[in-house]
Amino acid sequence: MASAFKKFLPTLNRVLVKKFEQEARTASGIILQEAADKNVIGEVIEIGPGNLNEQGARIPVYVKKGDMVLLPDYGGSKVKIQGVEYFIYRDSDILGILHK
């Protein structure tokens, strides 16, 4: 049944992110410490509509689709959608937006 869905939309202030894997091992299997210590970066795939304040007005999510973001080392909920691994974070859990 899950394969029948074409699109996933997060609820409230949640953000769907695809993390970029950083190579932390050489071809021979040696762990590279400098790669293992790098920040976690991801791309925003989808965003929720935002929370409601006490007056019922929508508080928009700060990030937008396509943003490259800095993520915390831990946290987020891992989900698989059509065989692809994503993470769901609250908008406030995202550490920052990366600009070129």
Protein backbone atom coordinates (compact mmCIF):
# COMPACT_ATOMS: atom_id res chain seq x y z
CA MET A 1 0.00 0.00 0.00
CA ALA A 2 2.84 2.44 0.78
CA SER A 3 4.13 2.22 -2.79
CA ALA A 4 0.84 3.72 -4.01
CA PHE A 5 1.76 7.12 -2.53
CA LYS A 6 3.43 9.59 -4.90
CA LYS A 7 4.32 12.40 -2.50
CA PHE A 8 4.98 12.88 1.22
CA LEU A 9 4.06 16.16 2.92
CA PRO A 10 5.30 16.72 6.49
CA THR A 11 2.84 18.05 9.06
CA LEU A 12 3.04 21.31 10.99
CA ASN A 13 6.63 22.58 11.37
CA ARG A 14 8.36 19.43 10.19
CA VAL A 15 10.91 19.27 7.38
CA LEU A 16 11.83 16.28 5.16
CA VAL A 17 15.60 16.22 4.53
CA LYS A 18 17.87 14.01 2.47
CA LYS A 19 21.28 13.77 4.14
CA PHE A 20 24.48 13.76 2.14
CA GLU A 21 26.71 10.88 3.09
CA GLN A 22 30.33 11.86 3.57
CA GLU A 23 32.89 9.19 2.81
CA ALA A 24 34.55 8.32 6.12
CA ARG A 25 36.52 5.28 4.87
CA THR A 26 39.14 4.70 2.23
CA ALA A 27 38.71 1.99 -0.41
CA SER A 28 40.74 -0.35 1.83
CA GLY A 29 38.41 0.30 4.81
CA ILE A 30 40.53 2.71 6.85
CA ILE A 31 38.39 5.20 8.79
CA LEU A 32 39.30 8.81 8.03
CA GLN A 33 38.85 10.82 11.23
CA GLU A 34 38.62 14.20 9.49
CA ALA A 35 35.73 12.93 7.32
CA ALA A 36 34.01 11.32 10.32
CA ASP A 37 34.12 14.65 12.21
CA LYS A 38 32.53 16.72 9.42
CA ASN A 39 29.19 18.44 9.87
CA VAL A 40 26.01 16.75 8.73
CA ILE A 41 24.56 18.45 5.67
CA GLY A 42 21.29 17.80 3.90
CA GLU A 43 18.89 19.13 1.31
CA VAL A 44 15.34 20.15 2.19
CA ILE A 45 12.97 18.02 0.08
CA GLU A 46 9.57 19.01 1.51
CA ILE A 47 8.28 21.28 4.27
CA GLY A 48 5.14 21.30 6.35
CA PRO A 49 2.74 24.26 6.40
CA GLY A 50 3.97 25.49 9.81
CA ASN A 51 2.47 25.70 13.29
CA LEU A 52 -0.46 27.85 14.35
CA ASN A 53 -0.02 30.59 16.94
CA GLU A 54 -2.56 31.33 19.72
CA GLN A 55 -4.62 33.53 17.38
CA GLY A 56 -4.79 30.79 14.75
CA ALA A 57 -2.41 32.48 12.32
CA ARG A 58 0.07 30.23 10.50
CA ILE A 59 3.76 30.54 11.50
CA PRO A 60 5.63 29.54 8.32
CA VAL A 61 8.57 27.13 8.33
CA TYR A 62 11.84 29.06 8.11
CA VAL A 63 13.54 26.87 5.48
CA LYS A 64 12.30 26.23 1.95
CA LYS A 65 12.51 23.36 -0.53
CA GLY A 66 15.97 23.07 -2.06
CA ASP A 67 17.81 24.74 0.85
CA MET A 68 21.10 23.14 1.91
CA VAL A 69 21.01 22.91 5.71
CA LEU A 70 23.32 22.09 8.60
CA LEU A 71 21.83 19.35 10.77
CA PRO A 72 22.50 18.19 14.33
CA ASP A 73 24.71 15.10 14.72
CA TYR A 74 21.82 13.16 16.24
CA GLY A 75 18.07 13.35 16.02
CA GLY A 76 15.49 13.37 13.32
CA SER A 77 13.22 10.48 12.47
CA LYS A 78 14.47 8.17 9.73
CA VAL A 79 11.88 7.23 7.09
CA LYS A 80 12.11 5.28 3.84
CA ILE A 81 9.97 6.50 0.97
CA GLN A 82 10.01 4.39 -2.18
CA GLY A 83 13.34 2.87 -1.11
CA VAL A 84 15.08 6.20 -0.44
CA GLU A 85 16.18 7.12 3.10
CA TYR A 86 15.11 10.55 4.42
CA PHE A 87 14.98 12.23 7.83
CA ILE A 88 12.23 14.33 9.36
CA TYR A 89 13.27 17.22 11.61
CA ARG A 90 11.36 19.99 13.32
CA ASP A 91 12.10 23.37 11.77
CA SER A 92 13.66 24.52 15.06
CA ASP A 93 16.07 21.53 15.10
CA ILE A 94 17.81 22.64 11.90
CA LEU A 95 21.02 24.46 12.84
CA GLY A 96 21.34 26.74 9.82
CA ILE A 97 21.04 27.32 6.08
CA LEU A 98 24.18 27.05 3.95
CA HIS A 99 24.70 29.63 1.18
CA LYS A 100 27.36 29.64 -1.55
